[in-house]
Structure formats: structure tokens, C-alpha cells
Amino acid sequence: MRAAVTYVGNILVTHRPALSCRQDYSVSSLVLMFFTFSGIGWLWEVGLHLVVDGMFFNRGFMAGPWLPIYGTGGVLILVLLKKWRSRPLLSFGLIVLLCGTVEYFAGLFLETMFGVRWWNYSDMLFQIQGRVCLEGLLLFGTGGLFIIYIAAPALDRQFRRLSVSRKRKRLLCVILCALFAADLVLSFISPNMGPGITSL
């Protein structure tokens, strides 16, 4: 998706291609998007608690500044729902279903594994066993549409324009994945728990 360059008289004119939600994404772009969405999710939840509780809590199961449920949901939306990108209403429903499934089973897995909850929607209307709720799913649906039609195409364009070689971009992806894997292993040994993070 490179910019086209033409001359009008003696003037150089650059035509930047429009962002498209129908494009394919490279593996390196998807990896970088995973970490971008995971980091944004972490900032969102930490920021929310700063505003509501006036305190910093390192949200999530892992130690690092990422919440992989956001990254996983974002990448799965782009990969699994590509066929329906031209149908926003259907995409919305599928995003809600997909993200609800990911959130429900991620919560079930963590509760079964460690005996505590990292999120609990039991006090909210239209919830299922405290693991998912309608309000959260509607936010995921809206956020998923934003990812499909705006965020992912814009991020992909920026990743393609990074002033590094393809080899260095792959190296960056490998380093990020290695750091994430190390954090994941350590988190299974000693998960991030405590007041403001987990509940029984």
C-alpha cells in the first residue's frame, strides 16, 4: 500500500492510498497489533482504576504492561472475521460472540487454575456467571468495529512505513514474543494477584 507519485506540470503530487478494511495483514503486522491492542487494553484498565479508585493497580494476570485478552480478541477479529468485513452489522454480532467466548473461557480457565477471579461481573445486569456481561460485550463489539475499519488499517500502514528493514521488524517481533513468553511462564508460577486485581 505505497503512495503513488505523479507530476502535474513541474509539481510533484503524492497520492496516499485510502485505508481499506479488506486488506490482508502480514504476520509481523498481526504480531505488532497483538502487542499494541494488549498494551492499549492495559492502559485502559489501569487508567479506569486510577480515575475510579484513585490508585494504580497493575491489572491482569501477567506482570508486564499488557493484557493479552485484548490482543487476542483484536487479532482473532481480523483473522477469523475477514469474510464479513463488508457487513458491519453482522460483523458486530460476530465480534460480540467471538469476544464473549474468549472472555468467558479465559475467565473460566484462570479461575479453575488459580481459584481467584481477575474480573467479576456478578453485580451487573445480563451477565453469565460473572465472566461476561452485556455492557462489556457491547463495548467489545463497538471496539471491534473500530479495529476492523479504522485502527487496524491505520496501524498496518504505520508498521509498513517503519524505517527498519523487514529483517529487523521480524527481530522486533521475536524479541517481543520472547519477553511475552518469559512473562507468561513466570506468571503461571507466580501470577499477579492482590487487592484491586483479583477477588475470590
N, C-alpha and C. Protein backbone atom coordinates (compact mmCIF):
# COMPACT_ATOMS: atom_id res chain seq x y z
N MET A 1 0.83 -1.18 0.00
CA MET A 1 0.00 0.00 0.00
C MET A 1 0.88 1.24 0.00
N ARG A 2 1.69 1.39 -1.05
CA ARG A 2 2.59 2.52 -1.13
C ARG A 2 1.90 3.69 -1.81
N ALA A 3 2.36 4.90 -1.47
CA ALA A 3 1.79 6.10 -2.06
C ALA A 3 2.20 6.19 -3.52
N ALA A 4 1.26 6.60 -4.38
CA ALA A 4 1.57 6.80 -5.79
C ALA A 4 2.07 8.22 -5.97
N VAL A 5 3.06 8.36 -6.87
CA VAL A 5 3.67 9.67 -7.10
C VAL A 5 3.46 10.04 -8.56
N THR A 6 2.93 11.24 -8.83
CA THR A 6 2.74 11.73 -10.19
C THR A 6 3.20 13.18 -10.26
N TYR A 7 3.39 13.65 -11.49
CA TYR A 7 3.76 15.04 -11.71
C TYR A 7 2.62 15.76 -12.40
N VAL A 8 2.26 16.93 -11.88
CA VAL A 8 1.30 17.82 -12.53
C VAL A 8 2.10 19.05 -12.92
N GLY A 9 2.43 19.14 -14.21
CA GLY A 9 3.37 20.17 -14.65
C GLY A 9 4.73 19.87 -14.05
N ASN A 10 5.26 20.81 -13.29
CA ASN A 10 6.54 20.61 -12.60
C ASN A 10 6.35 20.31 -11.12
N ILE A 11 5.11 20.08 -10.70
CA ILE A 11 4.82 19.87 -9.29
C ILE A 11 4.66 18.38 -9.01
N LEU A 12 5.38 17.92 -8.01
CA LEU A 12 5.30 16.52 -7.59
C LEU A 12 4.08 16.35 -6.68
N VAL A 13 3.18 15.43 -7.03
CA VAL A 13 1.97 15.20 -6.25
C VAL A 13 2.00 13.76 -5.74
N THR A 14 1.81 13.61 -4.43
CA THR A 14 1.77 12.29 -3.82
C THR A 14 0.33 11.92 -3.51
N HIS A 15 -0.08 10.76 -4.00
CA HIS A 15 -1.44 10.26 -3.73
C HIS A 15 -1.33 9.13 -2.73
N ARG A 16 -1.76 9.38 -1.52
CA ARG A 16 -1.72 8.34 -0.49
C ARG A 16 -2.96 7.46 -0.64
N PRO A 17 -2.78 6.14 -0.77
CA PRO A 17 -3.94 5.26 -0.93
C PRO A 17 -4.85 5.30 0.29
N ALA A 18 -6.16 5.19 0.01
CA ALA A 18 -7.13 5.19 1.11
C ALA A 18 -6.97 3.94 1.96
N LEU A 19 -7.28 4.08 3.23
CA LEU A 19 -7.24 2.92 4.11
C LEU A 19 -8.35 1.95 3.70
N SER A 20 -8.05 0.66 3.72
CA SER A 20 -9.02 -0.34 3.33
C SER A 20 -9.15 -1.40 4.41
N CYS A 21 -10.40 -1.73 4.75
CA CYS A 21 -10.63 -2.75 5.76
C CYS A 21 -10.55 -4.15 5.15
N ARG A 22 -10.42 -4.26 3.84
CA ARG A 22 -10.44 -5.57 3.17
C ARG A 22 -9.05 -6.14 2.95
N GLN A 23 -8.04 -5.43 3.34
CA GLN A 23 -6.68 -5.87 3.07
C GLN A 23 -6.27 -7.06 3.93
N ASP A 24 -5.24 -7.75 3.48
CA ASP A 24 -4.63 -8.81 4.27
C ASP A 24 -3.54 -8.20 5.13
N TYR A 25 -3.26 -8.83 6.25
CA TYR A 25 -2.22 -8.34 7.15
C TYR A 25 -1.11 -9.37 7.25
N SER A 26 0.12 -8.89 7.22
CA SER A 26 1.27 -9.79 7.34
C SER A 26 1.37 -10.32 8.77
N VAL A 27 2.13 -11.39 8.93
CA VAL A 27 2.32 -11.97 10.26
C VAL A 27 2.95 -10.94 11.19
N SER A 28 3.96 -10.21 10.69
CA SER A 28 4.61 -9.22 11.55
C SER A 28 3.65 -8.12 11.97
N SER A 29 2.76 -7.68 11.07
CA SER A 29 1.77 -6.67 11.42
C SER A 29 0.81 -7.20 12.48
N LEU A 30 0.38 -8.44 12.33
CA LEU A 30 -0.54 -9.04 13.30
C LEU A 30 0.12 -9.17 14.67
N VAL A 31 1.41 -9.55 14.69
CA VAL A 31 2.13 -9.65 15.97
C VAL A 31 2.22 -8.28 16.63
N LEU A 32 2.59 -7.26 15.85
CA LEU A 32 2.70 -5.91 16.40
C LEU A 32 1.33 -5.39 16.84
N MET A 33 0.27 -5.74 16.10
CA MET A 33 -1.07 -5.34 16.51
C MET A 33 -1.46 -6.03 17.82
N PHE A 34 -1.10 -7.30 17.97
CA PHE A 34 -1.38 -8.01 19.21
C PHE A 34 -0.81 -7.24 20.40
N PHE A 35 0.45 -6.82 20.30
CA PHE A 35 1.06 -6.10 21.42
C PHE A 35 0.49 -4.69 21.56
N THR A 36 0.12 -4.07 20.44
CA THR A 36 -0.50 -2.74 20.52
C THR A 36 -1.84 -2.82 21.25
N PHE A 37 -2.69 -3.76 20.83
CA PHE A 37 -4.01 -3.89 21.47
C PHE A 37 -3.89 -4.34 22.93
N SER A 38 -2.93 -5.22 23.20
CA SER A 38 -2.71 -5.68 24.59
C SER A 38 -2.26 -4.52 25.47
N GLY A 39 -1.38 -3.67 24.93
CA GLY A 39 -0.90 -2.51 25.68
C GLY A 39 -1.99 -1.47 25.90
N ILE A 40 -2.80 -1.25 24.86
CA ILE A 40 -3.91 -0.30 24.98
C ILE A 40 -4.93 -0.80 26.01
N GLY A 41 -5.19 -2.11 25.99
CA GLY A 41 -6.10 -2.69 26.98
C GLY A 41 -5.60 -2.50 28.40
N TRP A 42 -4.29 -2.69 28.58
CA TRP A 42 -3.69 -2.49 29.90
C TRP A 42 -3.82 -1.03 30.33
N LEU A 43 -3.52 -0.10 29.42
CA LEU A 43 -3.64 1.32 29.74
C LEU A 43 -5.08 1.70 30.07
N TRP A 44 -6.02 1.14 29.33
CA TRP A 44 -7.45 1.40 29.56
C TRP A 44 -7.86 0.97 30.96
N GLU A 45 -7.50 -0.25 31.34
CA GLU A 45 -7.94 -0.76 32.65
C GLU A 45 -7.20 -0.10 33.81
N VAL A 46 -5.92 0.15 33.63
CA VAL A 46 -5.17 0.86 34.67
C VAL A 46 -5.69 2.28 34.82
N GLY A 47 -5.93 2.95 33.69
CA GLY A 47 -6.46 4.31 33.72
C GLY A 47 -7.83 4.38 34.35
N LEU A 48 -8.67 3.39 34.06
CA LEU A 48 -10.02 3.36 34.62
C LEU A 48 -9.97 3.27 36.15
N HIS A 49 -9.07 2.43 36.67
CA HIS A 49 -8.95 2.29 38.12
C HIS A 49 -8.30 3.52 38.75
N LEU A 50 -7.43 4.17 38.01
CA LEU A 50 -6.85 5.43 38.53
C LEU A 50 -7.95 6.47 38.72
N VAL A 51 -8.87 6.54 37.76
CA VAL A 51 -9.96 7.52 37.83
C VAL A 51 -10.98 7.12 38.90
N VAL A 52 -11.40 5.85 38.89
CA VAL A 52 -12.46 5.39 39.79
C VAL A 52 -11.97 5.25 41.23
N ASP A 53 -10.79 4.61 41.40
CA ASP A 53 -10.29 4.31 42.75
C ASP A 53 -9.20 5.26 43.22
N GLY A 54 -8.65 6.04 42.30
CA GLY A 54 -7.57 6.94 42.67
C GLY A 54 -6.27 6.22 43.01
N MET A 55 -6.16 4.96 42.54
CA MET A 55 -4.96 4.17 42.86
C MET A 55 -4.49 3.43 41.62
N PHE A 56 -3.16 3.16 41.57
CA PHE A 56 -2.60 2.38 40.47
C PHE A 56 -2.65 0.90 40.82
N PHE A 57 -3.24 0.12 39.92
CA PHE A 57 -3.22 -1.33 40.03
C PHE A 57 -2.69 -1.90 38.73
N ASN A 58 -1.69 -2.76 38.82
CA ASN A 58 -1.19 -3.43 37.62
C ASN A 58 -2.19 -4.51 37.24
N ARG A 59 -3.12 -4.16 36.38
CA ARG A 59 -4.23 -5.04 36.05
C ARG A 59 -3.77 -6.25 35.26
N GLY A 60 -4.45 -7.35 35.47
CA GLY A 60 -4.19 -8.53 34.67
C GLY A 60 -3.39 -9.60 35.39
N PHE A 61 -3.33 -10.72 34.75
CA PHE A 61 -2.70 -11.92 35.26
C PHE A 61 -1.17 -11.85 35.18
N MET A 62 -0.66 -11.06 34.21
CA MET A 62 0.77 -11.01 33.95
C MET A 62 1.42 -9.78 34.57
N ALA A 63 2.75 -9.81 34.63
CA ALA A 63 3.49 -8.70 35.25
C ALA A 63 3.68 -7.53 34.31
N GLY A 64 3.85 -7.82 33.03
CA GLY A 64 4.15 -6.77 32.05
C GLY A 64 2.97 -5.87 31.73
N PRO A 65 3.22 -4.77 31.03
CA PRO A 65 2.16 -3.80 30.71
C PRO A 65 1.35 -4.24 29.50
N TRP A 66 0.72 -5.40 29.62
CA TRP A 66 -0.13 -5.90 28.54
C TRP A 66 -1.23 -6.79 29.11
N LEU A 67 -2.38 -6.73 28.47
CA LEU A 67 -3.49 -7.62 28.80
C LEU A 67 -3.77 -8.42 27.52
N PRO A 68 -3.27 -9.64 27.45
CA PRO A 68 -3.34 -10.40 26.20
C PRO A 68 -4.74 -10.72 25.72
N ILE A 69 -5.75 -10.63 26.59
CA ILE A 69 -7.11 -10.90 26.14
C ILE A 69 -7.55 -9.87 25.11
N TYR A 70 -7.08 -8.62 25.24
CA TYR A 70 -7.39 -7.57 24.26
C TYR A 70 -6.66 -7.85 22.95
N GLY A 71 -5.38 -8.21 23.05
CA GLY A 71 -4.61 -8.50 21.84
C GLY A 71 -5.14 -9.72 21.11
N THR A 72 -5.49 -10.75 21.88
CA THR A 72 -6.03 -11.97 21.28
C THR A 72 -7.35 -11.69 20.58
N GLY A 73 -8.24 -10.97 21.26
CA GLY A 73 -9.53 -10.62 20.65
C GLY A 73 -9.34 -9.81 19.37
N GLY A 74 -8.46 -8.81 19.43
CA GLY A 74 -8.23 -7.95 18.26
C GLY A 74 -7.71 -8.72 17.06
N VAL A 75 -6.74 -9.59 17.28
CA VAL A 75 -6.16 -10.35 16.18
C VAL A 75 -7.15 -11.39 15.66
N LEU A 76 -7.89 -12.05 16.55
CA LEU A 76 -8.88 -13.03 16.10
C LEU A 76 -9.98 -12.38 15.27
N ILE A 77 -10.36 -11.17 15.64
CA ILE A 77 -11.35 -10.43 14.85
C ILE A 77 -10.86 -10.24 13.42
N LEU A 78 -9.59 -9.86 13.28
CA LEU A 78 -9.02 -9.59 11.95
C LEU A 78 -8.84 -10.87 11.13
N VAL A 79 -8.47 -11.95 11.81
CA VAL A 79 -8.17 -13.19 11.09
C VAL A 79 -9.42 -14.02 10.82
N LEU A 80 -10.26 -14.21 11.82
CA LEU A 80 -11.40 -15.11 11.68
C LEU A 80 -12.62 -14.47 11.03
N LEU A 81 -12.76 -13.16 11.15
CA LEU A 81 -13.97 -12.50 10.65
C LEU A 81 -13.73 -11.71 9.36
N LYS A 82 -12.62 -11.99 8.70
CA LYS A 82 -12.28 -11.26 7.47
C LYS A 82 -13.39 -11.36 6.41
N LYS A 83 -13.99 -12.51 6.29
CA LYS A 83 -15.01 -12.76 5.27
C LYS A 83 -16.20 -11.82 5.37
N TRP A 84 -16.46 -11.31 6.59
CA TRP A 84 -17.66 -10.50 6.81
C TRP A 84 -17.35 -9.01 7.04
N ARG A 85 -16.14 -8.58 6.68
CA ARG A 85 -15.77 -7.18 6.93
C ARG A 85 -16.65 -6.19 6.17
N SER A 86 -17.23 -6.59 5.06
CA SER A 86 -18.07 -5.68 4.28
C SER A 86 -19.48 -5.56 4.84
N ARG A 87 -19.78 -6.31 5.92
CA ARG A 87 -21.12 -6.29 6.52
C ARG A 87 -21.00 -5.90 8.00
N PRO A 88 -21.00 -4.60 8.29
CA PRO A 88 -20.75 -4.11 9.65
C PRO A 88 -21.69 -4.66 10.72
N LEU A 89 -22.99 -4.77 10.41
CA LEU A 89 -23.94 -5.24 11.41
C LEU A 89 -23.67 -6.70 11.77
N LEU A 90 -23.45 -7.52 10.76
CA LEU A 90 -23.12 -8.93 11.00
C LEU A 90 -21.79 -9.03 11.74
N SER A 91 -20.82 -8.21 11.32
CA SER A 91 -19.52 -8.21 11.99
C SER A 91 -19.66 -7.88 13.47
N PHE A 92 -20.51 -6.91 13.77
CA PHE A 92 -20.73 -6.54 15.17
C PHE A 92 -21.21 -7.74 15.98
N GLY A 93 -22.22 -8.44 15.46
CA GLY A 93 -22.74 -9.61 16.17
C GLY A 93 -21.69 -10.70 16.33
N LEU A 94 -20.91 -10.93 15.29
CA LEU A 94 -19.87 -11.96 15.36
C LEU A 94 -18.75 -11.57 16.32
N ILE A 95 -18.43 -10.27 16.36
CA ILE A 95 -17.41 -9.78 17.30
C ILE A 95 -17.87 -10.02 18.74
N VAL A 96 -19.13 -9.69 19.01
CA VAL A 96 -19.69 -9.90 20.35
C VAL A 96 -19.60 -11.37 20.73
N LEU A 97 -19.98 -12.25 19.80
CA LEU A 97 -19.93 -13.69 20.06
C LEU A 97 -18.50 -14.17 20.26
N LEU A 98 -17.60 -13.74 19.40
CA LEU A 98 -16.20 -14.16 19.48
C LEU A 98 -15.55 -13.67 20.77
N CYS A 99 -15.67 -12.38 21.04
CA CYS A 99 -15.02 -11.81 22.23
C CYS A 99 -15.66 -12.34 23.52
N GLY A 100 -16.97 -12.54 23.49
CA GLY A 100 -17.64 -13.13 24.65
C GLY A 100 -17.13 -14.53 24.94
N THR A 101 -16.93 -15.31 23.89
CA THR A 101 -16.40 -16.66 24.06
C THR A 101 -14.99 -16.64 24.63
N VAL A 102 -14.15 -15.76 24.07
CA VAL A 102 -12.75 -15.65 24.55
C VAL A 102 -12.74 -15.23 26.01
N GLU A 103 -13.53 -14.19 26.36
CA GLU A 103 -13.53 -13.69 27.73
C GLU A 103 -14.08 -14.73 28.71
N TYR A 104 -15.16 -15.41 28.32
CA TYR A 104 -15.76 -16.39 29.21
C TYR A 104 -14.79 -17.53 29.52
N PHE A 105 -14.19 -18.10 28.49
CA PHE A 105 -13.33 -19.26 28.71
C PHE A 105 -11.97 -18.87 29.29
N ALA A 106 -11.50 -17.65 29.02
CA ALA A 106 -10.28 -17.17 29.68
C ALA A 106 -10.53 -17.03 31.18
N GLY A 107 -11.69 -16.46 31.54
CA GLY A 107 -12.04 -16.33 32.95
C GLY A 107 -12.20 -17.68 33.63
N LEU A 108 -12.88 -18.60 32.95
CA LEU A 108 -13.07 -19.94 33.49
C LEU A 108 -11.73 -20.65 33.70
N PHE A 109 -10.84 -20.53 32.73
CA PHE A 109 -9.52 -21.17 32.84
C PHE A 109 -8.73 -20.62 34.02
N LEU A 110 -8.68 -19.29 34.14
CA LEU A 110 -7.91 -18.67 35.23
C LEU A 110 -8.50 -19.01 36.60
N GLU A 111 -9.84 -19.00 36.70
CA GLU A 111 -10.48 -19.35 37.97
C GLU A 111 -10.20 -20.79 38.35
N THR A 112 -10.28 -21.70 37.37
CA THR A 112 -10.03 -23.12 37.62
C THR A 112 -8.57 -23.35 38.01
N MET A 113 -7.68 -22.62 37.36
CA MET A 113 -6.24 -22.81 37.57
C MET A 113 -5.78 -22.24 38.91
N PHE A 114 -6.29 -21.06 39.28
CA PHE A 114 -5.74 -20.35 40.44
C PHE A 114 -6.75 -20.11 41.57
N GLY A 115 -8.03 -20.38 41.34
CA GLY A 115 -9.01 -20.22 42.40
C GLY A 115 -9.40 -18.81 42.73
N VAL A 116 -9.05 -17.84 41.87
CA VAL A 116 -9.44 -16.45 42.06
C VAL A 116 -9.93 -15.89 40.73
N ARG A 117 -10.56 -14.70 40.81
CA ARG A 117 -11.08 -14.06 39.60
C ARG A 117 -10.32 -12.76 39.33
N TRP A 118 -9.95 -12.56 38.07
CA TRP A 118 -9.35 -11.28 37.68
C TRP A 118 -10.41 -10.29 37.24
N TRP A 119 -11.61 -10.75 36.94
CA TRP A 119 -12.76 -9.88 36.68
C TRP A 119 -14.02 -10.61 37.12
N ASN A 120 -15.01 -9.82 37.54
CA ASN A 120 -16.24 -10.41 38.04
C ASN A 120 -17.40 -9.43 37.78
N TYR A 121 -18.33 -9.85 36.93
CA TYR A 121 -19.47 -9.01 36.57
C TYR A 121 -20.75 -9.44 37.27
N SER A 122 -20.62 -10.13 38.39
CA SER A 122 -21.80 -10.69 39.07
C SER A 122 -22.80 -9.63 39.49
N ASP A 123 -22.35 -8.40 39.72
CA ASP A 123 -23.25 -7.34 40.18
C ASP A 123 -23.87 -6.56 39.03
N MET A 124 -23.64 -7.00 37.78
CA MET A 124 -24.14 -6.28 36.63
C MET A 124 -25.32 -7.01 36.01
N LEU A 125 -26.16 -6.26 35.29
CA LEU A 125 -27.31 -6.87 34.61
C LEU A 125 -26.83 -7.68 33.41
N PHE A 126 -27.59 -8.71 33.08
CA PHE A 126 -27.34 -9.52 31.89
C PHE A 126 -25.91 -10.04 31.83
N GLN A 127 -25.55 -10.80 32.86
CA GLN A 127 -24.22 -11.39 32.92
C GLN A 127 -24.34 -12.92 32.99
N ILE A 128 -23.27 -13.59 32.64
CA ILE A 128 -23.24 -15.05 32.69
C ILE A 128 -22.14 -15.49 33.65
N GLN A 129 -22.54 -15.99 34.82
CA GLN A 129 -21.63 -16.50 35.85
C GLN A 129 -20.52 -15.50 36.20
N GLY A 130 -20.80 -14.23 36.03
CA GLY A 130 -19.83 -13.18 36.37
C GLY A 130 -18.67 -13.07 35.42
N ARG A 131 -18.65 -13.88 34.35
CA ARG A 131 -17.48 -13.89 33.45
C ARG A 131 -17.66 -12.98 32.25
N VAL A 132 -18.87 -12.80 31.81
CA VAL A 132 -19.17 -11.86 30.72
C VAL A 132 -20.44 -11.11 31.08
N CYS A 133 -20.58 -9.90 30.54
CA CYS A 133 -21.81 -9.13 30.76
C CYS A 133 -22.14 -8.37 29.48
N LEU A 134 -23.41 -8.02 29.35
CA LEU A 134 -23.88 -7.37 28.13
C LEU A 134 -23.14 -6.05 27.87
N GLU A 135 -22.97 -5.25 28.91
CA GLU A 135 -22.31 -3.96 28.74
C GLU A 135 -20.90 -4.13 28.17
N GLY A 136 -20.15 -5.07 28.73
CA GLY A 136 -18.80 -5.32 28.25
C GLY A 136 -18.80 -5.83 26.82
N LEU A 137 -19.74 -6.71 26.49
CA LEU A 137 -19.80 -7.27 25.14
C LEU A 137 -20.15 -6.20 24.11
N LEU A 138 -21.03 -5.27 24.48
CA LEU A 138 -21.36 -4.18 23.56
C LEU A 138 -20.15 -3.28 23.33
N LEU A 139 -19.36 -3.07 24.38
CA LEU A 139 -18.12 -2.29 24.22
C LEU A 139 -17.13 -3.02 23.33
N PHE A 140 -17.03 -4.35 23.52
CA PHE A 140 -16.15 -5.14 22.66
C PHE A 140 -16.61 -5.07 21.20
N GLY A 141 -17.93 -5.15 21.00
CA GLY A 141 -18.45 -5.08 19.63
C GLY A 141 -18.12 -3.76 18.96
N THR A 142 -18.32 -2.67 19.70
CA THR A 142 -18.00 -1.34 19.15
C THR A 142 -16.51 -1.20 18.91
N GLY A 143 -15.71 -1.64 19.89
CA GLY A 143 -14.25 -1.58 19.73
C GLY A 143 -13.76 -2.44 18.59
N GLY A 144 -14.41 -3.60 18.39
CA GLY A 144 -14.03 -4.48 17.29
C GLY A 144 -14.28 -3.85 15.93
N LEU A 145 -15.40 -3.15 15.79
CA LEU A 145 -15.67 -2.44 14.53
C LEU A 145 -14.63 -1.34 14.30
N PHE A 146 -14.26 -0.65 15.38
CA PHE A 146 -13.21 0.38 15.28
C PHE A 146 -11.89 -0.25 14.81
N ILE A 147 -11.58 -1.42 15.33
CA ILE A 147 -10.36 -2.12 14.92
C ILE A 147 -10.41 -2.47 13.44
N ILE A 148 -11.53 -3.06 12.99
CA ILE A 148 -11.64 -3.50 11.60
C ILE A 148 -11.54 -2.35 10.61
N TYR A 149 -12.30 -1.28 10.87
CA TYR A 149 -12.45 -0.23 9.85
C TYR A 149 -11.49 0.94 10.00
N ILE A 150 -10.91 1.12 11.17
CA ILE A 150 -10.04 2.29 11.37
C ILE A 150 -8.67 1.92 11.91
N ALA A 151 -8.65 1.29 13.10
CA ALA A 151 -7.37 1.08 13.79
C ALA A 151 -6.42 0.15 13.04
N ALA A 152 -6.90 -1.02 12.64
CA ALA A 152 -6.01 -1.99 12.00
C ALA A 152 -5.43 -1.48 10.68
N PRO A 153 -6.25 -0.93 9.77
CA PRO A 153 -5.66 -0.39 8.54
C PRO A 153 -4.64 0.73 8.80
N ALA A 154 -4.96 1.62 9.77
CA ALA A 154 -4.04 2.72 10.08
C ALA A 154 -2.75 2.19 10.71
N LEU A 155 -2.86 1.25 11.64
CA LEU A 155 -1.67 0.67 12.27
C LEU A 155 -0.82 -0.08 11.25
N ASP A 156 -1.48 -0.83 10.36
CA ASP A 156 -0.74 -1.58 9.35
C ASP A 156 0.06 -0.63 8.46
N ARG A 157 -0.56 0.49 8.10
CA ARG A 157 0.16 1.47 7.27
C ARG A 157 1.39 1.99 8.01
N GLN A 158 1.25 2.26 9.31
CA GLN A 158 2.39 2.76 10.08
C GLN A 158 3.47 1.69 10.22
N PHE A 159 3.06 0.45 10.44
CA PHE A 159 4.04 -0.63 10.58
C PHE A 159 4.81 -0.83 9.27
N ARG A 160 4.12 -0.69 8.14
CA ARG A 160 4.78 -0.82 6.84
C ARG A 160 5.77 0.32 6.60
N ARG A 161 5.48 1.47 7.19
CA ARG A 161 6.34 2.65 6.98
C ARG A 161 7.48 2.74 7.97
N LEU A 162 7.56 1.81 8.91
CA LEU A 162 8.67 1.83 9.87
C LEU A 162 10.00 1.83 9.13
N SER A 163 10.88 2.72 9.54
CA SER A 163 12.15 2.87 8.83
C SER A 163 13.15 1.81 9.28
N VAL A 164 12.72 0.56 9.24
CA VAL A 164 13.61 -0.57 9.54
C VAL A 164 13.40 -1.62 8.47
N SER A 165 14.39 -2.43 8.27
CA SER A 165 14.28 -3.48 7.28
C SER A 165 13.30 -4.55 7.73
N ARG A 166 12.86 -5.36 6.79
CA ARG A 166 11.94 -6.46 7.12
C ARG A 166 12.57 -7.40 8.14
N LYS A 167 13.88 -7.60 8.00
CA LYS A 167 14.59 -8.49 8.92
C LYS A 167 14.56 -7.92 10.34
N ARG A 168 14.76 -6.62 10.48
CA ARG A 168 14.74 -6.00 11.82
C ARG A 168 13.33 -5.98 12.40
N LYS A 169 12.34 -5.84 11.54
CA LYS A 169 10.95 -5.88 12.02
C LYS A 169 10.63 -7.27 12.57
N ARG A 170 11.11 -8.29 11.88
CA ARG A 170 10.90 -9.65 12.36
C ARG A 170 11.64 -9.87 13.68
N LEU A 171 12.84 -9.29 13.77
CA LEU A 171 13.60 -9.41 15.01
C LEU A 171 12.85 -8.75 16.17
N LEU A 172 12.26 -7.59 15.91
CA LEU A 172 11.46 -6.91 16.94
C LEU A 172 10.31 -7.80 17.39
N CYS A 173 9.64 -8.45 16.44
CA CYS A 173 8.54 -9.35 16.77
C CYS A 173 9.02 -10.53 17.62
N VAL A 174 10.19 -11.07 17.28
CA VAL A 174 10.75 -12.20 18.03
C VAL A 174 11.08 -11.77 19.46
N ILE A 175 11.67 -10.58 19.61
CA ILE A 175 12.04 -10.07 20.94
C ILE A 175 10.79 -9.87 21.79
N LEU A 176 9.75 -9.24 21.21
CA LEU A 176 8.51 -9.03 21.95
C LEU A 176 7.87 -10.36 22.35
N CYS A 177 7.86 -11.31 21.43
CA CYS A 177 7.27 -12.63 21.74
C CYS A 177 8.07 -13.35 22.82
N ALA A 178 9.40 -13.20 22.80
CA ALA A 178 10.25 -13.84 23.81
C ALA A 178 9.98 -13.23 25.19
N LEU A 179 9.88 -11.90 25.25
CA LEU A 179 9.57 -11.23 26.52
C LEU A 179 8.20 -11.66 27.03
N PHE A 180 7.25 -11.73 26.12
CA PHE A 180 5.89 -12.14 26.49
C PHE A 180 5.88 -13.58 27.00
N ALA A 181 6.59 -14.47 26.31
CA ALA A 181 6.63 -15.87 26.71
C ALA A 181 7.27 -16.02 28.10
N ALA A 182 8.35 -15.27 28.34
CA ALA A 182 9.01 -15.32 29.65
C ALA A 182 8.07 -14.83 30.74
N ASP A 183 7.35 -13.73 30.46
CA ASP A 183 6.38 -13.19 31.42
C ASP A 183 5.27 -14.21 31.66
N LEU A 184 4.82 -14.87 30.61
CA LEU A 184 3.74 -15.85 30.73
C LEU A 184 4.16 -17.02 31.63
N VAL A 185 5.36 -17.52 31.41
CA VAL A 185 5.86 -18.63 32.24
C VAL A 185 5.97 -18.21 33.70
N LEU A 186 6.57 -17.03 33.93
CA LEU A 186 6.72 -16.54 35.30
C LEU A 186 5.36 -16.28 35.95
N SER A 187 4.39 -15.83 35.14
CA SER A 187 3.05 -15.54 35.67
C SER A 187 2.30 -16.80 36.05
N PHE A 188 2.55 -17.90 35.37
CA PHE A 188 1.93 -19.16 35.76
C PHE A 188 2.54 -19.67 37.07
N ILE A 189 3.81 -19.34 37.28
CA ILE A 189 4.47 -19.73 38.53
C ILE A 189 4.01 -18.83 39.67
N SER A 190 3.98 -17.51 39.39
CA SER A 190 3.59 -16.53 40.40
C SER A 190 2.71 -15.45 39.76
N PRO A 191 1.40 -15.72 39.63
CA PRO A 191 0.52 -14.77 38.95
C PRO A 191 0.35 -13.46 39.71
N ASN A 192 0.03 -12.42 38.95
CA ASN A 192 -0.21 -11.11 39.52
C ASN A 192 -1.56 -11.11 40.24
N MET A 193 -1.53 -11.07 41.57
CA MET A 193 -2.76 -11.13 42.37
C MET A 193 -2.74 -10.03 43.43
N GLY A 194 -3.89 -9.85 44.09
CA GLY A 194 -3.93 -8.94 45.22
C GLY A 194 -5.12 -7.99 45.14
N PRO A 195 -5.25 -7.13 46.14
CA PRO A 195 -6.36 -6.16 46.18
C PRO A 195 -6.36 -5.29 44.92
N GLY A 196 -7.54 -5.08 44.36
CA GLY A 196 -7.68 -4.28 43.15
C GLY A 196 -7.35 -5.03 41.89
N ILE A 197 -6.89 -6.28 42.04
CA ILE A 197 -6.51 -7.10 40.88
C ILE A 197 -7.36 -8.35 40.81
N THR A 198 -7.45 -9.07 41.93
CA THR A 198 -8.22 -10.32 41.96
C THR A 198 -9.23 -10.30 43.09
N SER A 199 -10.20 -11.21 42.97
CA SER A 199 -11.19 -11.40 44.03
C SER A 199 -11.51 -12.90 44.09
N LEU A 200 -12.11 -13.32 45.18
CA LEU A 200 -12.46 -14.74 45.33
C LEU A 200 -13.75 -15.05 44.57
